[in-house]
Structures are given as structure tokens and as C-alpha cells.
């Protein structure tokens, strides 16, 4: 089963941890994702990084320091990296085709931003037929004008349970 599972890390890029406006519980998020990466490597799972790109002058401008995948979870040889320009990790990329080529049928999802890219990618993966584990404690966001980050995360864990098995990081099944 492990060869049919991929860990997908969405938009965990350096700009998300800027000291002036860091993602909610960012340091803990990185620690949790590091543990998921170790487990995935031990299980022989494919690791996939999604990297969001935006236009010139934005914090996620291509080829800038902020755009880079956070160094504490940096990819290694054999990991797959997909660049996207929309919240949907599948839209305008060959992610689905590459996962099919690798024989992947199950996804473990983690990353940033809970209510945008994580949500959209989870729903799209479901519509494509993947079995999904959304890691309850491995995605994050920022406070909005309406809700605190912790509320947004918990809300999306609840809503996305219609599309994924929402599990704690220590309960991930290979």
C-alpha cells in the first residue's frame, strides 16, 4: 500500500513564515511536516511539493527567497515538485498525470493555506478519485477579518471530512 501513497505538501514556502506576519503556529507546523516526511520516506512513499507562484513584486514571486520551499522541509532527489498559480494543485499542472504514472491512489495532505489551497486541492483530489488523509495538525492559515486561524483550521477539518479522512499526524496510515 505504501507505494501507492504520496505525501503532498502544499505551499510551505519561506514567505509564509515572515516574522512580520507568520502563518499560525508555523514552527509547530514545520515540526509536524518534518515528522510526516520522515515517516513517508521510511514507508517508501512518494513525496510531492506544491509551490505557489505569483507575479512580480509579490512575496511568492518565482525565483525569490520567499518563493522557495521552506529549508527545514526541503525536497531531496526523487521528490516531485509542481509549481501552480491557482489554489488547485491539479489545475494547470501535470500533478494528476504524474501521480497516476507513479501508481498513487492515496494522498496524505498537509500545508498552507487551510481555507484556500489545502481546501481546493483536497476537494479536487476527491473528485479525481483519490483516497485522502487530511492531517488535522499539519495545515495552517492566518486570522481573517471574521475568524481566528485556529477556528478556520478546525472548521476546515470538519468540512473536509466529507472528502477526506481527517486524522492526527500520529495516526497517519501508510
Foldseek 3Di string as FASTA:
>chain_A
DLLQEEEEAEAQFQLCCPVVFHWPPNVVLLVLVVVVVVVSVVSVHAYEYEFEDDDPPDLCHPPDRRRHRPPSNDDDPRHHYWYDHALASVPPTCVVVVSVVSNHQEYEYAYDDLVTNRLNNLVVSLVVRHAYEYALSNYWHQADPVGGGVVSSVVSLVVSVVRYHYHHSVPDDD
